[in-house]
Amino acid sequence: MLAALVIADSLGVFDSRPYREVPHGNHSHYVPHDRDPNISISDFPTTPPREGEKITPTGEIVPDTLGEWW
């Protein structure tokens, strides 16, 4: 049971953020769950969005006008 919880946690099952951190060499990119697969990971920001912002499927950080920020 404990092993299942550890695996689920590592897969982000309990994470409510609308993006995930993707390691890329010596830095990370912040990528939304609904990212456009035609956009390279390198085109996504290396800093997470601030409160009131979101990352678009194409990698832009924009104001979150719908209040979807976790």
N, C-alpha and C. Protein backbone atom coordinates (compact mmCIF):
# COMPACT_ATOMS: atom_id res chain seq x y z
N MET A 1 0.83 -1.20 0.00
CA MET A 1 0.00 0.00 0.00
C MET A 1 0.87 1.26 0.00
N LEU A 2 1.89 1.28 0.84
CA LEU A 2 2.78 2.43 0.91
C LEU A 2 3.48 2.65 -0.42
N ALA A 3 3.92 1.57 -1.04
CA ALA A 3 4.60 1.68 -2.33
C ALA A 3 3.67 2.29 -3.38
N ALA A 4 2.40 1.91 -3.37
CA ALA A 4 1.43 2.45 -4.32
C ALA A 4 1.26 3.95 -4.11
N LEU A 5 1.21 4.39 -2.86
CA LEU A 5 1.08 5.82 -2.57
C LEU A 5 2.31 6.60 -3.02
N VAL A 6 3.48 6.02 -2.82
CA VAL A 6 4.71 6.68 -3.23
C VAL A 6 4.75 6.82 -4.75
N ILE A 7 4.37 5.79 -5.46
CA ILE A 7 4.36 5.84 -6.93
C ILE A 7 3.32 6.85 -7.41
N ALA A 8 2.13 6.83 -6.83
CA ALA A 8 1.09 7.79 -7.22
C ALA A 8 1.54 9.22 -6.98
N ASP A 9 2.19 9.46 -5.86
CA ASP A 9 2.67 10.80 -5.55
C ASP A 9 3.74 11.23 -6.55
N SER A 10 4.65 10.32 -6.90
CA SER A 10 5.71 10.67 -7.85
C SER A 10 5.16 10.95 -9.25
N LEU A 11 4.01 10.38 -9.57
CA LEU A 11 3.38 10.63 -10.87
C LEU A 11 2.52 11.88 -10.87
N GLY A 12 2.38 12.53 -9.72
CA GLY A 12 1.64 13.78 -9.65
C GLY A 12 0.15 13.61 -9.45
N VAL A 13 -0.29 12.43 -9.01
CA VAL A 13 -1.71 12.18 -8.81
C VAL A 13 -2.32 13.15 -7.80
N PHE A 14 -1.55 13.52 -6.79
CA PHE A 14 -2.06 14.39 -5.73
C PHE A 14 -1.72 15.86 -5.95
N ASP A 15 -1.16 16.19 -7.09
CA ASP A 15 -0.73 17.56 -7.40
C ASP A 15 -1.83 18.29 -8.16
N SER A 16 -2.33 19.39 -7.61
CA SER A 16 -3.42 20.12 -8.24
C SER A 16 -2.94 21.26 -9.15
N ARG A 17 -1.63 21.43 -9.27
CA ARG A 17 -1.13 22.51 -10.14
C ARG A 17 -1.49 22.22 -11.60
N PRO A 18 -1.81 23.24 -12.37
CA PRO A 18 -2.18 23.03 -13.77
C PRO A 18 -0.97 22.84 -14.70
N TYR A 19 0.22 22.68 -14.13
CA TYR A 19 1.43 22.48 -14.92
C TYR A 19 2.34 21.50 -14.18
N ARG A 20 3.36 21.04 -14.88
CA ARG A 20 4.35 20.18 -14.25
C ARG A 20 5.74 20.70 -14.56
N GLU A 21 6.68 20.35 -13.71
CA GLU A 21 8.07 20.76 -13.89
C GLU A 21 8.79 19.65 -14.65
N VAL A 22 9.42 20.01 -15.77
CA VAL A 22 10.11 19.03 -16.61
C VAL A 22 11.61 19.35 -16.59
N PRO A 23 12.43 18.47 -15.97
CA PRO A 23 13.88 18.68 -15.97
C PRO A 23 14.41 18.68 -17.41
N HIS A 24 15.33 19.59 -17.68
CA HIS A 24 15.89 19.73 -19.03
C HIS A 24 17.33 20.19 -18.90
N GLY A 25 18.24 19.25 -18.83
CA GLY A 25 19.65 19.59 -18.62
C GLY A 25 19.86 20.09 -17.21
N ASN A 26 20.46 21.27 -17.07
CA ASN A 26 20.73 21.82 -15.74
C ASN A 26 19.63 22.79 -15.27
N HIS A 27 18.48 22.76 -15.90
CA HIS A 27 17.36 23.62 -15.52
C HIS A 27 16.05 22.86 -15.76
N SER A 28 14.95 23.48 -15.44
CA SER A 28 13.63 22.87 -15.65
C SER A 28 12.75 23.83 -16.43
N HIS A 29 11.79 23.24 -17.14
CA HIS A 29 10.76 24.02 -17.83
C HIS A 29 9.43 23.71 -17.16
N TYR A 30 8.55 24.68 -17.14
CA TYR A 30 7.22 24.53 -16.55
C TYR A 30 6.23 24.41 -17.70
N VAL A 31 5.56 23.25 -17.75
CA VAL A 31 4.75 22.88 -18.90
C VAL A 31 3.32 22.58 -18.45
N PRO A 32 2.31 23.19 -19.09
CA PRO A 32 0.92 22.90 -18.69
C PRO A 32 0.53 21.49 -19.11
N HIS A 33 -0.44 20.94 -18.41
CA HIS A 33 -0.92 19.59 -18.73
C HIS A 33 -1.53 19.53 -20.13
N ASP A 34 -2.04 20.65 -20.62
CA ASP A 34 -2.68 20.68 -21.94
C ASP A 34 -1.76 21.24 -23.02
N ARG A 35 -0.45 21.02 -22.88
CA ARG A 35 0.50 21.62 -23.81
C ARG A 35 0.28 21.13 -25.24
N ASP A 36 0.59 22.00 -26.17
CA ASP A 36 0.53 21.67 -27.60
C ASP A 36 1.74 20.78 -27.90
N PRO A 37 1.52 19.53 -28.34
CA PRO A 37 2.65 18.63 -28.59
C PRO A 37 3.56 19.08 -29.73
N ASN A 38 3.12 20.05 -30.51
CA ASN A 38 3.95 20.57 -31.60
C ASN A 38 4.95 21.63 -31.12
N ILE A 39 4.83 22.03 -29.85
CA ILE A 39 5.72 23.05 -29.28
C ILE A 39 6.81 22.33 -28.49
N SER A 40 8.05 22.70 -28.73
CA SER A 40 9.20 22.10 -28.04
C SER A 40 9.19 22.45 -26.56
N ILE A 41 9.64 21.52 -25.72
CA ILE A 41 9.78 21.77 -24.29
C ILE A 41 10.65 23.01 -24.06
N SER A 42 11.64 23.22 -24.91
CA SER A 42 12.54 24.37 -24.77
C SER A 42 11.81 25.71 -24.89
N ASP A 43 10.63 25.73 -25.49
CA ASP A 43 9.86 26.96 -25.66
C ASP A 43 9.01 27.31 -24.45
N PHE A 44 9.03 26.48 -23.42
CA PHE A 44 8.23 26.75 -22.23
C PHE A 44 9.09 27.46 -21.19
N PRO A 45 8.47 28.23 -20.30
CA PRO A 45 9.22 29.04 -19.34
C PRO A 45 10.04 28.20 -18.35
N THR A 46 11.11 28.81 -17.86
CA THR A 46 11.97 28.16 -16.87
C THR A 46 11.64 28.63 -15.46
N THR A 47 10.63 29.45 -15.34
CA THR A 47 10.14 29.87 -14.02
C THR A 47 8.64 29.56 -13.96
N PRO A 48 8.14 29.18 -12.80
CA PRO A 48 6.72 28.88 -12.70
C PRO A 48 5.89 30.17 -12.77
N PRO A 49 4.64 30.04 -13.15
CA PRO A 49 3.79 31.24 -13.17
C PRO A 49 3.53 31.72 -11.74
N ARG A 50 3.35 33.01 -11.59
CA ARG A 50 3.01 33.57 -10.28
C ARG A 50 1.51 33.44 -10.06
N GLU A 51 1.09 33.72 -8.86
CA GLU A 51 -0.34 33.70 -8.57
C GLU A 51 -1.03 34.68 -9.51
N GLY A 52 -2.14 34.25 -10.09
CA GLY A 52 -2.88 35.09 -11.03
C GLY A 52 -2.41 34.97 -12.46
N GLU A 53 -1.45 34.09 -12.72
CA GLU A 53 -0.96 33.85 -14.07
C GLU A 53 -1.13 32.37 -14.42
N LYS A 54 -1.05 32.08 -15.71
CA LYS A 54 -1.08 30.68 -16.15
C LYS A 54 -0.17 30.54 -17.36
N ILE A 55 0.17 29.30 -17.67
CA ILE A 55 0.98 29.00 -18.85
C ILE A 55 0.04 28.47 -19.92
N THR A 56 0.10 29.07 -21.10
CA THR A 56 -0.76 28.64 -22.20
C THR A 56 -0.20 27.35 -22.81
N PRO A 57 -0.99 26.64 -23.61
CA PRO A 57 -0.51 25.43 -24.28
C PRO A 57 0.68 25.66 -25.20
N THR A 58 0.91 26.93 -25.58
CA THR A 58 2.05 27.25 -26.45
C THR A 58 3.24 27.82 -25.70
N GLY A 59 3.15 27.93 -24.37
CA GLY A 59 4.30 28.32 -23.57
C GLY A 59 4.36 29.76 -23.11
N GLU A 60 3.32 30.50 -23.30
CA GLU A 60 3.31 31.89 -22.83
C GLU A 60 2.75 31.97 -21.41
N ILE A 61 3.30 32.87 -20.60
CA ILE A 61 2.72 33.15 -19.29
C ILE A 61 1.82 34.37 -19.47
N VAL A 62 0.54 34.17 -19.14
CA VAL A 62 -0.46 35.23 -19.33
C VAL A 62 -1.29 35.37 -18.06
N PRO A 63 -1.99 36.51 -17.92
CA PRO A 63 -2.90 36.66 -16.77
C PRO A 63 -3.97 35.57 -16.80
N ASP A 64 -4.31 35.04 -15.65
CA ASP A 64 -5.34 34.02 -15.55
C ASP A 64 -6.67 34.70 -15.29
N THR A 65 -7.34 35.08 -16.36
CA THR A 65 -8.59 35.83 -16.23
C THR A 65 -9.76 34.97 -15.79
N LEU A 66 -9.62 33.65 -15.87
CA LEU A 66 -10.70 32.75 -15.46
C LEU A 66 -10.53 32.25 -14.03
N GLY A 67 -9.44 32.64 -13.39
CA GLY A 67 -9.22 32.22 -12.01
C GLY A 67 -8.92 30.74 -11.88
N GLU A 68 -8.24 30.17 -12.86
CA GLU A 68 -7.92 28.75 -12.84
C GLU A 68 -6.64 28.45 -12.08
N TRP A 69 -5.98 29.48 -11.60
CA TRP A 69 -4.74 29.25 -10.85
C TRP A 69 -5.09 28.45 -9.61
N TRP A 70 -4.32 27.46 -9.33
CA TRP A 70 -4.68 26.54 -8.26
C TRP A 70 -4.74 27.25 -6.97
